[in-house]
Amino acid sequence: MYSIKELEKKAVERRMDLIQMIYDAKTGHTGGSLSSLDILVTLYYEIMNIDPENPKWEDRDRFILSKGHSVEGYYTILADQGFFPKEELKTFSKYQSRLIGHPNVKVPGIEMNTGALGHGLAAAIGMALAGKMDKKAYKVYVLMGDGEQAEGSVWEGAMAAGHYKLDNLIGIVDRNRLQISGKTENVMSLEPFRDKWSAFGWEVTEVAGNDIGKLVQLFKKLSVVSGKPHLVIANTTKGKGVSFMENVAKWHHGVPTEEQLIEAMKQLRQQWEEVSKAC
C-alpha cells in the first residue's frame, strides 16, 4: 500500500518516463497519456487486484485501455510493476519491438489489442458478463477517451451493460475536453454527458481526474453500489504536468524537441522534489 504522496511521486516519475520514450521514439500521443496517467497510477498501484508474476491469473481484475493511442503511460506503469523489464521501454516504436504505438497482447499484462476507438467498452462488457456467469469476484475497468464517445458502439455497449446490471464493470472517461481536431464540444458535443450515461442505467460519478487522493477515495467506495455498472467521468487536463503542453490541442500527437524535453524534465523534476519532501 502506498500513501497518496507516494502515489503522486510515482505519477511524476512515470510522466518523466513517458516523455523520454516519446522523445526517443520521435512519435507518440503525449497529451492524452499525460492526462490519463493519474487514473492509471491509482488503479495499478492502489486499486486493482493483479499479479505481475502471473499476468493470466484467473481471478485478476481486468483493465482495458480503450483509448489505446495513449499507451505510453500504460507501458511505463506495466514496466515499473514488473510485467516486463524497464529497459525494454527504450525500444518503444523501434524495429521489431513489441512495444508498438497501441496496446497489444504480446506485452504481459495487456488483455486485448486496442486502438480502434469504440471497441474497448464492448470487450469489457463481455469480460464482466463472463465474470458474472462464472461467479467470479473480479472487476473490469475500461478507460475511454471523451473524443471516443462519438462512436456509436460506445452507446450500444452502454445500453447492454445497463441491461445486464454489470456492477462489476467500471467505465472511466478521460474527460480532458480535447481531441486531435480540437475541442470535443466543437467536434461532437457530448453534454449533457452525465445525464446520457445515467439514462442508460449507469451509476455516474464525476471526479477531479488528476487528483490522486480523490481518485483513490472514489474507486475504493464504488463497490458499495450494486446492480448498476459504474461510469466515472474523470475531469482532467490534457498534457497535465508540463505547463506548455496543458490544454493545447497540438500535443495530442506531439513530439518534444530537445529544448522542450529539457524544459519538460526540469518542470517534472521540480514536482518530484516537492512531493518527495512530503513523502
Protein backbone atom coordinates (compact mmCIF):
# COMPACT_ATOMS: atom_id res chain seq x y z
CA MET A 1 0.00 0.00 0.00
CA TYR A 2 1.20 3.49 -0.83
CA SER A 3 0.44 6.86 0.71
CA ILE A 4 -1.17 9.47 -1.53
CA LYS A 5 2.14 11.36 -1.71
CA GLU A 6 3.97 8.19 -2.73
CA LEU A 7 1.42 7.66 -5.49
CA GLU A 8 1.87 11.26 -6.62
CA LYS A 9 5.62 10.66 -6.73
CA LYS A 10 5.03 7.57 -8.86
CA ALA A 11 2.91 9.64 -11.23
CA VAL A 12 5.64 12.24 -11.71
CA GLU A 13 8.22 9.51 -12.34
CA ARG A 14 6.01 7.86 -14.94
CA ARG A 15 5.44 11.22 -16.65
CA MET A 16 9.20 11.62 -16.97
CA ASP A 17 9.47 8.11 -18.37
CA LEU A 18 6.76 8.55 -20.98
CA ILE A 19 8.04 11.89 -22.24
CA GLN A 20 11.53 10.43 -22.61
CA MET A 21 10.05 7.46 -24.51
CA ILE A 22 8.19 9.73 -26.93
CA TYR A 23 11.23 11.92 -27.47
CA ASP A 24 13.49 8.92 -28.16
CA ALA A 25 10.97 7.27 -30.50
CA LYS A 26 10.08 10.55 -32.23
CA THR A 27 6.43 9.51 -32.11
CA GLY A 28 3.65 9.19 -29.56
CA HIS A 29 0.47 10.59 -28.07
CA THR A 30 1.72 12.95 -25.40
CA GLY A 31 -1.30 14.95 -24.25
CA GLY A 32 -3.71 12.09 -23.57
CA SER A 33 -1.02 9.96 -21.94
CA LEU A 34 -0.29 12.77 -19.50
CA SER A 35 -3.96 13.48 -18.75
CA SER A 36 -4.83 9.85 -18.03
CA LEU A 37 -1.71 8.92 -16.06
CA ASP A 38 -3.06 9.69 -12.58
CA ILE A 39 -6.01 7.38 -13.26
CA LEU A 40 -3.68 4.55 -14.30
CA VAL A 41 -1.40 5.09 -11.30
CA THR A 42 -4.39 4.92 -8.95
CA LEU A 43 -5.70 1.71 -10.49
CA TYR A 44 -2.43 -0.16 -10.85
CA TYR A 45 -0.68 0.80 -7.62
CA GLU A 46 -3.64 1.00 -5.25
CA ILE A 47 -6.93 -0.41 -6.52
CA MET A 48 -6.68 -3.37 -8.87
CA ASN A 49 -6.08 -6.94 -7.76
CA ILE A 50 -3.29 -8.12 -10.08
CA ASP A 51 -0.12 -10.21 -10.01
CA PRO A 52 2.75 -9.20 -12.35
CA GLU A 53 4.34 -12.61 -11.82
CA ASN A 54 1.16 -14.31 -13.02
CA PRO A 55 -0.41 -11.98 -15.64
CA LYS A 56 -3.03 -14.57 -16.65
CA TRP A 57 -4.17 -15.29 -13.08
CA GLU A 58 -7.79 -16.36 -13.40
CA ASP A 59 -9.10 -14.12 -10.61
CA ARG A 60 -7.24 -10.96 -11.59
CA ASP A 61 -9.03 -7.69 -12.17
CA ARG A 62 -9.10 -6.77 -15.85
CA PHE A 63 -8.11 -3.44 -17.38
CA ILE A 64 -8.66 -2.31 -20.96
CA LEU A 65 -7.18 0.88 -22.38
CA SER A 66 -9.86 1.61 -24.96
CA LYS A 67 -8.15 4.91 -25.84
CA GLY A 68 -5.23 2.78 -26.95
CA HIS A 69 -3.31 5.62 -28.59
CA SER A 70 -2.40 6.85 -25.09
CA VAL A 71 -0.30 3.75 -24.48
CA GLU A 72 2.95 5.36 -23.35
CA GLY A 73 1.94 5.93 -19.74
CA TYR A 74 0.42 2.44 -19.66
CA TYR A 75 3.73 0.87 -20.74
CA THR A 76 5.72 2.76 -18.12
CA ILE A 77 3.42 1.52 -15.35
CA LEU A 78 3.45 -2.10 -16.53
CA ALA A 79 7.26 -1.99 -16.64
CA ASP A 80 7.52 -0.43 -13.19
CA GLN A 81 5.14 -3.06 -11.85
CA GLY A 82 7.37 -5.83 -13.20
CA PHE A 83 5.28 -7.16 -16.08
CA PHE A 84 8.34 -6.73 -18.32
CA PRO A 85 11.86 -5.24 -17.89
CA LYS A 86 12.03 -1.45 -17.67
CA GLU A 87 14.97 -1.47 -20.09
CA GLU A 88 12.53 -2.52 -22.79
CA LEU A 89 10.89 0.93 -22.69
CA LYS A 90 13.88 2.16 -24.72
CA THR A 91 12.66 0.06 -27.65
CA PHE A 92 9.27 1.81 -27.88
CA SER A 93 8.20 2.06 -31.54
CA LYS A 94 11.56 0.74 -32.71
CA TYR A 95 12.00 -2.01 -35.30
CA GLN A 96 10.77 -5.42 -34.09
CA SER A 97 9.79 -4.07 -30.65
CA ARG A 98 6.61 -5.44 -29.12
CA LEU A 99 6.07 -2.00 -27.56
CA ILE A 100 4.23 -0.53 -30.52
CA GLY A 101 2.03 2.56 -30.60
CA HIS A 102 -1.07 0.78 -29.27
CA PRO A 103 -1.56 -1.95 -26.64
CA ASN A 104 -1.09 -5.49 -27.90
CA VAL A 105 -1.33 -8.88 -26.23
CA LYS A 106 2.33 -9.72 -26.88
CA VAL A 107 3.02 -7.49 -23.86
CA PRO A 108 2.39 -9.20 -20.49
CA GLY A 109 -0.44 -7.56 -18.55
CA ILE A 110 -2.36 -6.36 -21.60
CA GLU A 111 -5.77 -8.00 -22.02
CA MET A 112 -6.52 -7.13 -25.65
CA ASN A 113 -5.27 -5.21 -28.67
CA THR A 114 -6.84 -1.76 -28.70
CA GLY A 115 -6.64 1.39 -30.75
CA ALA A 116 -9.76 1.30 -32.90
CA LEU A 117 -11.86 3.63 -30.78
CA GLY A 118 -15.21 2.40 -29.52
CA HIS A 119 -14.21 -1.26 -29.15
CA GLY A 120 -12.89 -1.37 -25.59
CA LEU A 121 -16.19 -0.99 -23.78
CA ALA A 122 -17.84 -3.84 -25.70
CA ALA A 123 -14.96 -6.19 -24.85
CA ALA A 124 -15.05 -5.11 -21.21
CA ILE A 125 -18.76 -5.87 -21.09
CA GLY A 126 -18.06 -9.39 -22.36
CA MET A 127 -15.42 -9.90 -19.65
CA ALA A 128 -17.72 -8.55 -16.95
CA LEU A 129 -20.63 -10.71 -18.12
CA ALA A 130 -18.34 -13.77 -18.16
CA GLY A 131 -17.30 -12.97 -14.59
CA LYS A 132 -20.93 -12.91 -13.52
CA MET A 133 -21.69 -16.19 -15.26
CA ASP A 134 -18.63 -17.86 -13.72
CA LYS A 135 -19.39 -16.38 -10.29
CA LYS A 136 -16.01 -14.65 -10.16
CA ALA A 137 -15.28 -11.66 -7.93
CA TYR A 138 -13.00 -9.80 -10.33
CA LYS A 139 -13.78 -6.32 -11.62
CA VAL A 140 -13.32 -4.99 -15.14
CA TYR A 141 -12.03 -1.46 -15.69
CA VAL A 142 -12.10 0.25 -19.09
CA LEU A 143 -10.61 3.68 -19.79
CA MET A 144 -12.13 5.59 -22.70
CA GLY A 145 -11.39 8.96 -24.22
CA ASP A 146 -14.00 11.68 -24.43
CA GLY A 147 -13.49 12.05 -28.19
CA GLU A 148 -14.20 8.32 -28.38
CA GLN A 149 -17.73 8.95 -27.12
CA ALA A 150 -18.75 9.91 -30.67
CA GLU A 151 -18.55 6.21 -31.61
CA GLY A 152 -21.97 4.55 -31.78
CA SER A 153 -20.64 1.27 -30.39
CA VAL A 154 -19.97 3.02 -27.07
CA TRP A 155 -23.67 3.66 -26.64
CA GLU A 156 -24.67 0.18 -27.76
CA GLY A 157 -22.35 -1.11 -25.06
CA ALA A 158 -23.73 1.32 -22.52
CA MET A 159 -27.22 0.00 -23.15
CA ALA A 160 -26.11 -3.64 -22.85
CA ALA A 161 -24.20 -3.08 -19.60
CA GLY A 162 -27.21 -1.40 -18.04
CA HIS A 163 -29.48 -4.21 -19.21
CA TYR A 164 -27.28 -6.91 -17.66
CA LYS A 165 -26.76 -4.88 -14.45
CA LEU A 166 -22.99 -5.32 -14.61
CA ASP A 167 -21.97 -3.84 -11.28
CA ASN A 168 -18.54 -5.47 -11.71
CA LEU A 169 -17.85 -3.11 -14.63
CA ILE A 170 -16.24 0.32 -14.15
CA GLY A 171 -16.09 2.59 -17.17
CA ILE A 172 -13.86 5.64 -16.95
CA VAL A 173 -13.83 8.59 -19.34
CA ASP A 174 -10.71 10.74 -19.55
CA ARG A 175 -12.67 13.99 -19.89
CA ASN A 176 -9.88 16.34 -20.97
CA ARG A 177 -12.20 18.07 -23.50
CA LEU A 178 -9.68 17.99 -26.35
CA GLN A 179 -9.22 15.57 -29.22
CA ILE A 180 -6.95 15.54 -32.24
CA SER A 181 -9.05 18.02 -34.21
CA GLY A 182 -9.94 20.41 -31.40
CA LYS A 183 -12.38 20.80 -28.51
CA THR A 184 -14.77 17.89 -28.08
CA GLU A 185 -17.75 20.20 -27.77
CA ASN A 186 -16.94 21.74 -31.16
CA VAL A 187 -16.18 18.45 -32.92
CA MET A 188 -19.13 16.46 -31.49
CA SER A 189 -20.80 17.88 -28.40
CA LEU A 190 -21.26 15.45 -25.51
CA GLU A 191 -23.23 17.46 -22.99
CA PRO A 192 -25.37 16.73 -21.06
CA PHE A 193 -22.81 13.95 -20.74
CA ARG A 194 -23.64 12.70 -17.24
CA ASP A 195 -27.36 12.60 -17.95
CA LYS A 196 -26.83 10.47 -21.06
CA TRP A 197 -24.96 7.75 -19.18
CA SER A 198 -27.46 7.85 -16.32
CA ALA A 199 -30.28 7.34 -18.81
CA PHE A 200 -28.64 4.08 -19.91
CA GLY A 201 -28.81 2.73 -16.35
CA TRP A 202 -25.31 3.56 -15.10
CA GLU A 203 -24.30 4.91 -11.70
CA VAL A 204 -22.36 8.03 -12.70
CA THR A 205 -19.78 9.88 -10.63
CA GLU A 206 -17.58 12.84 -11.51
CA VAL A 207 -14.13 13.31 -10.06
CA ALA A 208 -11.06 15.51 -10.46
CA GLY A 209 -9.13 13.07 -12.62
CA ASN A 210 -5.69 14.44 -11.85
CA ASP A 211 -6.21 14.39 -8.08
CA ILE A 212 -4.91 11.01 -6.90
CA GLY A 213 -6.31 11.44 -3.40
CA LYS A 214 -9.82 11.91 -4.76
CA LEU A 215 -9.39 9.10 -7.26
CA VAL A 216 -8.33 6.62 -4.56
CA GLN A 217 -11.25 7.63 -2.36
CA LEU A 218 -13.72 7.22 -5.22
CA PHE A 219 -12.54 3.86 -6.55
CA LYS A 220 -12.44 2.35 -3.07
CA LYS A 221 -16.10 3.13 -2.47
CA LEU A 222 -17.52 2.18 -5.88
CA SER A 223 -18.21 -1.37 -4.76
CA VAL A 224 -20.96 -0.20 -2.39
CA VAL A 225 -23.31 0.48 -5.32
CA SER A 226 -24.87 -2.78 -6.56
CA GLY A 227 -26.98 -3.64 -9.56
CA LYS A 228 -25.58 -0.96 -11.89
CA PRO A 229 -22.43 -0.54 -13.95
CA HIS A 230 -20.30 2.42 -12.86
CA LEU A 231 -19.20 5.33 -15.04
CA VAL A 232 -16.52 7.67 -13.73
CA ILE A 233 -16.22 10.98 -15.53
CA ALA A 234 -12.64 11.96 -14.73
CA ASN A 235 -12.22 15.67 -15.44
CA THR A 236 -8.59 16.02 -16.47
CA THR A 237 -6.16 18.41 -18.11
CA LYS A 238 -4.69 17.35 -21.42
CA GLY A 239 -0.90 17.48 -21.17
CA LYS A 240 -1.08 17.51 -17.36
CA GLY A 241 2.23 18.19 -15.63
CA VAL A 242 4.02 20.17 -18.33
CA SER A 243 2.91 23.79 -18.49
CA PHE A 244 3.39 24.41 -22.22
CA MET A 245 1.54 21.19 -23.11
CA GLU A 246 -1.50 21.72 -20.89
CA ASN A 247 -4.79 22.33 -22.74
CA VAL A 248 -3.04 22.65 -26.10
CA ALA A 249 -4.63 20.50 -28.83
CA LYS A 250 -1.45 20.06 -30.89
CA TRP A 251 0.08 17.96 -28.09
CA HIS A 252 -2.48 15.23 -28.76
CA HIS A 253 0.16 13.75 -31.07
CA GLY A 254 3.14 15.98 -30.32
CA VAL A 255 6.81 15.11 -30.01
CA PRO A 256 9.01 17.46 -27.97
CA THR A 257 12.14 19.00 -29.41
CA GLU A 258 15.36 18.64 -27.41
CA GLU A 259 14.78 22.08 -25.93
CA GLN A 260 11.19 21.22 -24.99
CA LEU A 261 12.33 17.91 -23.49
CA ILE A 262 14.82 19.73 -21.26
CA GLU A 263 12.15 22.20 -20.11
CA ALA A 264 9.57 19.46 -19.50
CA MET A 265 12.03 17.41 -17.45
CA LYS A 266 13.01 20.48 -15.46
CA GLN A 267 9.38 21.10 -14.51
CA LEU A 268 8.78 17.45 -13.63
CA ARG A 269 11.95 17.22 -11.52
CA GLN A 270 10.77 20.23 -9.55
CA GLN A 271 7.43 18.48 -8.94
CA TRP A 272 9.27 15.30 -7.96
CA GLU A 273 11.43 17.16 -5.44
CA GLU A 274 8.41 18.88 -3.93
CA VAL A 275 6.38 15.70 -3.49
CA SER A 276 9.43 13.75 -2.27
CA LYS A 277 9.79 16.15 0.66
CA ALA A 278 6.24 15.30 1.73
CA CYS A 279 6.68 11.51 1.48
